[in-house]
Amino acid sequence: MKRFVIVFFTSLFMTALVLFPIKPAMATDTAAGAQEIIRRAGLTLDTFVADKDFPLFRENLVKAKGVLIMPEVLKAGYVWGGSGGTGVLLVRDEKSNEWSQPAFYIVGSVTFGLQIGAENAEVVMLAMSRKAVDSLLASSFKLGGDVSVAVGAKGAGMKKIVTADFISFTKAKGLYVGLSFEGSVIKTADDLNKVYYGKEVRPIHILVQKEVTNPYSETLRKKLPR
């Protein structure tokens, strides 16, 4: 009976996250709010590239097919825990090596266990496979199962080969140790995409068909390796 209750409420919370995902305060659905996310994404990328404790990040960034940057992911909980954040995805063109315009996404998850604390993290997920990029073209999907995600190691001596579809790297302060995204739901932020590009667009229009552009993205795009 106890196991049934846990499973039931876990399913209920996951459904709620898909329908009403956690959105940090900075993710206001305005053009200024979208530009602020882009600006902070660039700062987040800079911190990971410059951090000597993340050699695995730099090694895999040059090989990544896509980069999902979340300047702020808030994780908090007491017994029930959750995390959520808004970020941008850029995809590398396989022929030209040029990076796409950014598409906005929301990530959310729920965990159950004996936990207490809060964590405000910066997260970068590297999409290392074509399957990873294709999964992000859907309106929403869950990490794990068919699309694998690994936690990127920290430390100058932690150089190893990772074969997951996604590799997540986290820089955080707080009481939680690490931040696993297994089971997290990633959903397109359609309102932010609309205000940023001035019309309704889907990720495939931004990342693959390249139907829209915004000059504000240029600084962020230039930070990524070609």
C-alpha atoms as a PDB file:
ATOM      1  CA  MET A   1       0.000   0.000   0.000  1.00  0.00           C
ATOM      2  CA  LYS A   2       2.816   2.398   0.917  1.00  0.00           C
ATOM      3  CA  ARG A   3       4.562   1.677  -2.364  1.00  0.00           C
ATOM      4  CA  PHE A   4       1.319   2.305  -4.264  1.00  0.00           C
ATOM      5  CA  VAL A   5       0.883   5.711  -2.565  1.00  0.00           C
ATOM      6  CA  ILE A   6       4.450   6.743  -3.435  1.00  0.00           C
ATOM      7  CA  VAL A   7       4.036   5.681  -7.065  1.00  0.00           C
ATOM      8  CA  PHE A   8       0.658   7.422  -7.292  1.00  0.00           C
ATOM      9  CA  PHE A   9       1.894  10.752  -5.965  1.00  0.00           C
ATOM     10  CA  THR A  10       5.100  10.571  -7.983  1.00  0.00           C
ATOM     11  CA  SER A  11       3.013  10.128 -11.146  1.00  0.00           C
ATOM     12  CA  LEU A  12       0.733  12.969 -10.056  1.00  0.00           C
ATOM     13  CA  PHE A  13       3.644  15.359  -9.497  1.00  0.00           C
ATOM     14  CA  MET A  14       5.313  14.409 -12.804  1.00  0.00           C
ATOM     15  CA  THR A  15       2.054  15.073 -14.641  1.00  0.00           C
ATOM     16  CA  ALA A  16       1.782  18.453 -12.933  1.00  0.00           C
ATOM     17  CA  LEU A  17       5.303  19.350 -13.998  1.00  0.00           C
ATOM     18  CA  VAL A  18       4.556  18.565 -17.621  1.00  0.00           C
ATOM     19  CA  LEU A  19       1.418  20.700 -17.581  1.00  0.00           C
ATOM     20  CA  PHE A  20       2.701  23.436 -15.258  1.00  0.00           C
ATOM     21  CA  PRO A  21       6.517  23.304 -15.264  1.00  0.00           C
ATOM     22  CA  ILE A  22       8.576  25.243 -12.765  1.00  0.00           C
ATOM     23  CA  LYS A  23       9.660  28.585 -14.186  1.00  0.00           C
ATOM     24  CA  PRO A  24      12.224  30.775 -12.444  1.00  0.00           C
ATOM     25  CA  ALA A  25      11.464  34.426 -11.897  1.00  0.00           C
ATOM     26  CA  MET A  26      13.824  35.571 -14.652  1.00  0.00           C
ATOM     27  CA  ALA A  27      11.895  33.619 -17.304  1.00  0.00           C
ATOM     28  CA  THR A  28       9.324  36.345 -17.898  1.00  0.00           C
ATOM     29  CA  ASP A  29       7.617  35.894 -21.225  1.00  0.00           C
ATOM     30  CA  THR A  30       8.725  39.232 -22.634  1.00  0.00           C
ATOM     31  CA  ALA A  31      11.356  40.193 -25.187  1.00  0.00           C
ATOM     32  CA  ALA A  32      13.456  41.725 -22.420  1.00  0.00           C
ATOM     33  CA  GLY A  33      13.107  38.574 -20.318  1.00  0.00           C
ATOM     34  CA  ALA A  34      14.168  36.388 -23.261  1.00  0.00           C
ATOM     35  CA  GLN A  35      17.195  38.592 -23.911  1.00  0.00           C
ATOM     36  CA  GLU A  36      18.183  38.366 -20.249  1.00  0.00           C
ATOM     37  CA  ILE A  37      18.170  34.573 -20.459  1.00  0.00           C
ATOM     38  CA  ILE A  38      20.399  34.770 -23.562  1.00  0.00           C
ATOM     39  CA  ARG A  39      22.788  37.143 -21.797  1.00  0.00           C
ATOM     40  CA  ARG A  40      23.017  34.969 -18.700  1.00  0.00           C
ATOM     41  CA  ALA A  41      23.441  31.838 -20.826  1.00  0.00           C
ATOM     42  CA  GLY A  42      26.567  33.423 -22.292  1.00  0.00           C
ATOM     43  CA  LEU A  43      27.920  34.142 -18.815  1.00  0.00           C
ATOM     44  CA  THR A  44      27.185  30.576 -17.716  1.00  0.00           C
ATOM     45  CA  LEU A  45      29.005  29.170 -20.739  1.00  0.00           C
ATOM     46  CA  ASP A  46      32.015  31.389 -19.940  1.00  0.00           C
ATOM     47  CA  THR A  47      32.231  30.079 -16.371  1.00  0.00           C
ATOM     48  CA  PHE A  48      32.249  26.431 -17.471  1.00  0.00           C
ATOM     49  CA  VAL A  49      34.817  26.976 -20.208  1.00  0.00           C
ATOM     50  CA  ALA A  50      37.137  28.867 -17.835  1.00  0.00           C
ATOM     51  CA  ASP A  51      36.771  26.449 -14.897  1.00  0.00           C
ATOM     52  CA  LYS A  52      39.838  24.203 -14.641  1.00  0.00           C
ATOM     53  CA  ASP A  53      37.796  21.678 -12.646  1.00  0.00           C
ATOM     54  CA  PHE A  54      35.761  20.792 -15.772  1.00  0.00           C
ATOM     55  CA  PRO A  55      38.227  19.408 -18.352  1.00  0.00           C
ATOM     56  CA  LEU A  56      35.612  16.863 -19.444  1.00  0.00           C
ATOM     57  CA  PHE A  57      33.288  19.728 -20.333  1.00  0.00           C
ATOM     58  CA  ARG A  58      35.798  21.391 -22.642  1.00  0.00           C
ATOM     59  CA  GLU A  59      36.751  18.095 -24.279  1.00  0.00           C
ATOM     60  CA  ASN A  60      33.146  17.233 -25.101  1.00  0.00           C
ATOM     61  CA  LEU A  61      31.999  20.755 -26.002  1.00  0.00           C
ATOM     62  CA  VAL A  62      34.073  20.699 -29.187  1.00  0.00           C
ATOM     63  CA  LYS A  63      32.368  17.414 -30.187  1.00  0.00           C
ATOM     64  CA  ALA A  64      28.835  18.256 -29.084  1.00  0.00           C
ATOM     65  CA  LYS A  65      26.009  18.375 -31.621  1.00  0.00           C
ATOM     66  CA  GLY A  66      23.954  20.673 -29.408  1.00  0.00           C
ATOM     67  CA  VAL A  67      24.269  22.711 -26.206  1.00  0.00           C
ATOM     68  CA  LEU A  68      21.426  23.345 -23.741  1.00  0.00           C
ATOM     69  CA  ILE A  69      22.413  26.140 -21.341  1.00  0.00           C
ATOM     70  CA  MET A  70      20.353  26.839 -18.212  1.00  0.00           C
ATOM     71  CA  PRO A  71      21.652  29.877 -16.307  1.00  0.00           C
ATOM     72  CA  GLU A  72      19.462  29.118 -13.310  1.00  0.00           C
ATOM     73  CA  VAL A  73      17.989  25.831 -12.106  1.00  0.00           C
ATOM     74  CA  LEU A  74      16.353  25.935  -8.709  1.00  0.00           C
ATOM     75  CA  LYS A  75      16.143  22.715  -6.746  1.00  0.00           C
ATOM     76  CA  ALA A  76      14.389  22.703  -3.382  1.00  0.00           C
ATOM     77  CA  GLY A  77      12.447  20.311  -1.239  1.00  0.00           C
ATOM     78  CA  TYR A  78      11.422  18.815   2.058  1.00  0.00           C
ATOM     79  CA  VAL A  79      10.583  15.113   1.568  1.00  0.00           C
ATOM     80  CA  TRP A  80       9.176  15.997  -1.875  1.00  0.00           C
ATOM     81  CA  GLY A  81      11.802  17.677  -4.007  1.00  0.00           C
ATOM     82  CA  GLY A  82      11.733  19.358  -7.371  1.00  0.00           C
ATOM     83  CA  SER A  83      13.891  21.263  -9.792  1.00  0.00           C
ATOM     84  CA  GLY A  84      13.144  23.603 -12.625  1.00  0.00           C
ATOM     85  CA  GLY A  85      14.761  26.130 -14.898  1.00  0.00           C
ATOM     86  CA  THR A  86      14.644  27.869 -18.243  1.00  0.00           C
ATOM     87  CA  GLY A  87      17.399  27.810 -20.823  1.00  0.00           C
ATOM     88  CA  VAL A  88      18.354  27.889 -24.473  1.00  0.00           C
ATOM     89  CA  LEU A  89      19.424  25.229 -26.953  1.00  0.00           C
ATOM     90  CA  LEU A  90      21.781  25.816 -29.859  1.00  0.00           C
ATOM     91  CA  VAL A  91      22.530  23.115 -32.454  1.00  0.00           C
ATOM     92  CA  ARG A  92      25.647  22.739 -34.573  1.00  0.00           C
ATOM     93  CA  ASP A  93      25.237  22.465 -38.357  1.00  0.00           C
ATOM     94  CA  GLU A  94      26.941  19.221 -39.394  1.00  0.00           C
ATOM     95  CA  LYS A  95      28.191  20.668 -42.696  1.00  0.00           C
ATOM     96  CA  SER A  96      29.237  24.218 -41.860  1.00  0.00           C
ATOM     97  CA  ASN A  97      29.922  23.788 -38.110  1.00  0.00           C
ATOM     98  CA  GLU A  98      27.963  26.998 -37.566  1.00  0.00           C
ATOM     99  CA  TRP A  99      25.696  27.223 -34.534  1.00  0.00           C
ATOM    100  CA  SER A 100      21.964  27.804 -34.844  1.00  0.00           C
ATOM    101  CA  GLN A 101      19.895  30.549 -33.332  1.00  0.00           C
ATOM    102  CA  PRO A 102      18.769  29.662 -29.778  1.00  0.00           C
ATOM    103  CA  ALA A 103      15.480  27.945 -28.948  1.00  0.00           C
ATOM    104  CA  PHE A 104      14.029  28.310 -25.437  1.00  0.00           C
ATOM    105  CA  TYR A 105      13.247  25.313 -23.226  1.00  0.00           C
ATOM    106  CA  ILE A 106      12.028  24.560 -19.699  1.00  0.00           C
ATOM    107  CA  VAL A 107      13.272  21.650 -17.586  1.00  0.00           C
ATOM    108  CA  GLY A 108      11.452  20.233 -14.569  1.00  0.00           C
ATOM    109  CA  SER A 109      11.582  17.159 -12.357  1.00  0.00           C
ATOM    110  CA  VAL A 110      10.279  15.739  -9.099  1.00  0.00           C
ATOM    111  CA  THR A 111      12.039  13.397  -6.689  1.00  0.00           C
ATOM    112  CA  PHE A 112      10.893  11.677  -3.485  1.00  0.00           C
ATOM    113  CA  GLY A 113      13.052  10.861  -0.514  1.00  0.00           C
ATOM    114  CA  LEU A 114      14.466  12.072   2.768  1.00  0.00           C
ATOM    115  CA  GLN A 115      15.873  15.376   1.612  1.00  0.00           C
ATOM    116  CA  ILE A 116      15.975  18.911   2.843  1.00  0.00           C
ATOM    117  CA  GLY A 117      17.699  21.962   1.464  1.00  0.00           C
ATOM    118  CA  ALA A 118      17.805  24.213  -1.550  1.00  0.00           C
ATOM    119  CA  GLU A 119      20.111  24.606  -4.481  1.00  0.00           C
ATOM    120  CA  ASN A 120      20.512  27.246  -7.147  1.00  0.00           C
ATOM    121  CA  ALA A 121      22.567  25.837 -10.004  1.00  0.00           C
ATOM    122  CA  GLU A 122      23.941  26.677 -13.405  1.00  0.00           C
ATOM    123  CA  VAL A 123      23.606  23.743 -15.799  1.00  0.00           C
ATOM    124  CA  VAL A 124      24.913  22.967 -19.266  1.00  0.00           C
ATOM    125  CA  MET A 125      23.769  19.823 -21.066  1.00  0.00           C
ATOM    126  CA  LEU A 126      25.776  18.681 -24.066  1.00  0.00           C
ATOM    127  CA  ALA A 127      23.811  16.783 -26.713  1.00  0.00           C
ATOM    128  CA  MET A 128      26.364  14.256 -27.943  1.00  0.00           C
ATOM    129  CA  SER A 129      24.252  12.199 -30.368  1.00  0.00           C
ATOM    130  CA  ARG A 130      21.808  12.767 -33.206  1.00  0.00           C
ATOM    131  CA  LYS A 131      19.179  11.020 -31.053  1.00  0.00           C
ATOM    132  CA  ALA A 132      19.680  13.662 -28.373  1.00  0.00           C
ATOM    133  CA  VAL A 133      19.161  16.518 -30.841  1.00  0.00           C
ATOM    134  CA  ASP A 134      16.127  14.843 -32.438  1.00  0.00           C
ATOM    135  CA  SER A 135      14.502  14.320 -29.041  1.00  0.00           C
ATOM    136  CA  LEU A 136      14.686  18.064 -28.381  1.00  0.00           C
ATOM    137  CA  LEU A 137      12.650  18.791 -31.494  1.00  0.00           C
ATOM    138  CA  ALA A 138       9.586  17.287 -29.778  1.00  0.00           C
ATOM    139  CA  SER A 139       7.284  19.499 -27.704  1.00  0.00           C
ATOM    140  CA  SER A 140       8.382  17.591 -24.580  1.00  0.00           C
ATOM    141  CA  PHE A 141      10.262  14.448 -23.601  1.00  0.00           C
ATOM    142  CA  LYS A 142      11.734  12.753 -20.529  1.00  0.00           C
ATOM    143  CA  LEU A 143      15.422  12.126 -20.006  1.00  0.00           C
ATOM    144  CA  GLY A 144      16.336   8.519 -19.343  1.00  0.00           C
ATOM    145  CA  GLY A 145      15.193   5.317 -21.005  1.00  0.00           C
ATOM    146  CA  ASP A 146      15.676   5.665 -24.752  1.00  0.00           C
ATOM    147  CA  VAL A 147      17.572   8.941 -24.341  1.00  0.00           C
ATOM    148  CA  SER A 148      20.346   8.545 -21.784  1.00  0.00           C
ATOM    149  CA  VAL A 149      21.903  11.256 -19.623  1.00  0.00           C
ATOM    150  CA  ALA A 150      25.152  11.100 -17.681  1.00  0.00           C
ATOM    151  CA  VAL A 151      26.453  13.433 -14.992  1.00  0.00           C
ATOM    152  CA  GLY A 152      29.657  15.103 -16.127  1.00  0.00           C
ATOM    153  CA  ALA A 153      32.562  14.522 -13.773  1.00  0.00           C
ATOM    154  CA  LYS A 154      34.280  17.372 -11.980  1.00  0.00           C
ATOM    155  CA  GLY A 155      37.974  17.409 -11.204  1.00  0.00           C
ATOM    156  CA  ALA A 156      41.210  17.845 -13.117  1.00  0.00           C
ATOM    157  CA  GLY A 157      41.918  14.132 -12.942  1.00  0.00           C
ATOM    158  CA  MET A 158      38.467  13.016 -14.055  1.00  0.00           C
ATOM    159  CA  LYS A 159      39.049  12.552 -17.773  1.00  0.00           C
ATOM    160  CA  LYS A 160      37.070   9.663 -19.166  1.00  0.00           C
ATOM    161  CA  ILE A 161      34.961   8.638 -22.140  1.00  0.00           C
ATOM    162  CA  VAL A 162      31.210   9.115 -21.696  1.00  0.00           C
ATOM    163  CA  THR A 163      28.846   7.484 -24.197  1.00  0.00           C
ATOM    164  CA  ALA A 164      25.489   8.910 -23.071  1.00  0.00           C
ATOM    165  CA  ASP A 165      23.250  10.907 -25.405  1.00  0.00           C
ATOM    166  CA  PHE A 166      23.402  13.853 -22.997  1.00  0.00           C
ATOM    167  CA  ILE A 167      26.125  14.867 -20.553  1.00  0.00           C
ATOM    168  CA  SER A 168      25.026  17.330 -17.865  1.00  0.00           C
ATOM    169  CA  PHE A 169      27.431  19.611 -16.019  1.00  0.00           C
ATOM    170  CA  THR A 170      26.406  21.520 -12.898  1.00  0.00           C
ATOM    171  CA  LYS A 171      27.912  24.333 -10.863  1.00  0.00           C
ATOM    172  CA  ALA A 172      25.923  24.849  -7.691  1.00  0.00           C
ATOM    173  CA  LYS A 173      25.881  26.092  -4.138  1.00  0.00           C
ATOM    174  CA  GLY A 174      23.619  24.636  -1.503  1.00  0.00           C
ATOM    175  CA  LEU A 175      22.933  21.518   0.508  1.00  0.00           C
ATOM    176  CA  TYR A 176      22.362  19.106  -2.333  1.00  0.00           C
ATOM    177  CA  VAL A 177      25.359  17.192  -3.648  1.00  0.00           C
ATOM    178  CA  GLY A 178      25.192  16.865  -7.415  1.00  0.00           C
ATOM    179  CA  LEU A 179      22.159  17.320  -9.584  1.00  0.00           C
ATOM    180  CA  SER A 180      20.900  14.331 -11.560  1.00  0.00           C
ATOM    181  CA  PHE A 181      18.502  14.931 -14.440  1.00  0.00           C
ATOM    182  CA  GLU A 182      17.468  11.311 -14.932  1.00  0.00           C
ATOM    183  CA  GLY A 183      13.685  11.361 -15.356  1.00  0.00           C
ATOM    184  CA  SER A 184      13.500  15.120 -15.885  1.00  0.00           C
ATOM    185  CA  VAL A 185      10.991  16.519 -18.370  1.00  0.00           C
ATOM    186  CA  ILE A 186      12.261  18.977 -20.980  1.00  0.00           C
ATOM    187  CA  LYS A 187       9.587  21.079 -22.654  1.00  0.00           C
ATOM    188  CA  THR A 188       9.684  23.817 -25.291  1.00  0.00           C
ATOM    189  CA  ALA A 189       9.094  27.347 -23.983  1.00  0.00           C
ATOM    190  CA  ASP A 190       6.777  28.411 -26.800  1.00  0.00           C
ATOM    191  CA  ASP A 191       5.906  31.806 -25.294  1.00  0.00           C
ATOM    192  CA  LEU A 192       9.564  32.803 -25.012  1.00  0.00           C
ATOM    193  CA  ASN A 193      10.314  31.625 -28.546  1.00  0.00           C
ATOM    194  CA  LYS A 194       7.392  33.719 -29.770  1.00  0.00           C
ATOM    195  CA  VAL A 195       8.386  36.961 -28.055  1.00  0.00           C
ATOM    196  CA  TYR A 196      12.068  36.544 -28.961  1.00  0.00           C
ATOM    197  CA  TYR A 197      11.463  35.987 -32.679  1.00  0.00           C
ATOM    198  CA  GLY A 198       8.296  38.039 -33.035  1.00  0.00           C
ATOM    199  CA  LYS A 199       6.068  35.186 -34.206  1.00  0.00           C
ATOM    200  CA  GLU A 200       5.035  31.671 -33.297  1.00  0.00           C
ATOM    201  CA  VAL A 201       7.830  29.230 -34.120  1.00  0.00           C
ATOM    202  CA  ARG A 202       8.664  25.656 -33.212  1.00  0.00           C
ATOM    203  CA  PRO A 203      12.198  24.414 -32.434  1.00  0.00           C
ATOM    204  CA  ILE A 204      12.456  22.756 -35.854  1.00  0.00           C
ATOM    205  CA  HIS A 205      11.877  26.170 -37.491  1.00  0.00           C
ATOM    206  CA  ILE A 206      14.646  27.714 -35.371  1.00  0.00           C
ATOM    207  CA  LEU A 207      17.228  24.934 -35.180  1.00  0.00           C
ATOM    208  CA  VAL A 208      16.846  23.022 -38.439  1.00  0.00           C
ATOM    209  CA  GLN A 209      15.001  25.090 -41.018  1.00  0.00           C
ATOM    210  CA  LYS A 210      16.576  28.358 -39.767  1.00  0.00           C
ATOM    211  CA  GLU A 211      13.519  30.425 -40.599  1.00  0.00           C
ATOM    212  CA  VAL A 212      14.125  33.101 -37.951  1.00  0.00           C
ATOM    213  CA  THR A 213      17.040  35.110 -36.601  1.00  0.00           C
ATOM    214  CA  ASN A 214      17.662  37.621 -33.848  1.00  0.00           C
ATOM    215  CA  PRO A 215      20.869  39.698 -33.851  1.00  0.00           C
ATOM    216  CA  TYR A 216      20.949  39.640 -30.040  1.00  0.00           C
ATOM    217  CA  SER A 217      22.010  35.964 -30.236  1.00  0.00           C
ATOM    218  CA  GLU A 218      25.289  36.706 -32.010  1.00  0.00           C
ATOM    219  CA  THR A 219      27.411  37.198 -28.895  1.00  0.00           C
ATOM    220  CA  LEU A 220      26.319  33.830 -27.455  1.00  0.00           C
ATOM    221  CA  ARG A 221      26.817  32.003 -30.769  1.00  0.00           C
ATOM    222  CA  LYS A 222      30.375  33.331 -31.090  1.00  0.00           C
ATOM    223  CA  LYS A 223      31.304  31.849 -27.713  1.00  0.00           C
ATOM    224  CA  LEU A 224      30.751  28.290 -28.995  1.00  0.00           C
ATOM    225  CA  PRO A 225      33.591  26.411 -30.746  1.00  0.00           C
ATOM    226  CA  ARG A 226      33.438  25.898 -34.504  1.00  0.00           C
END
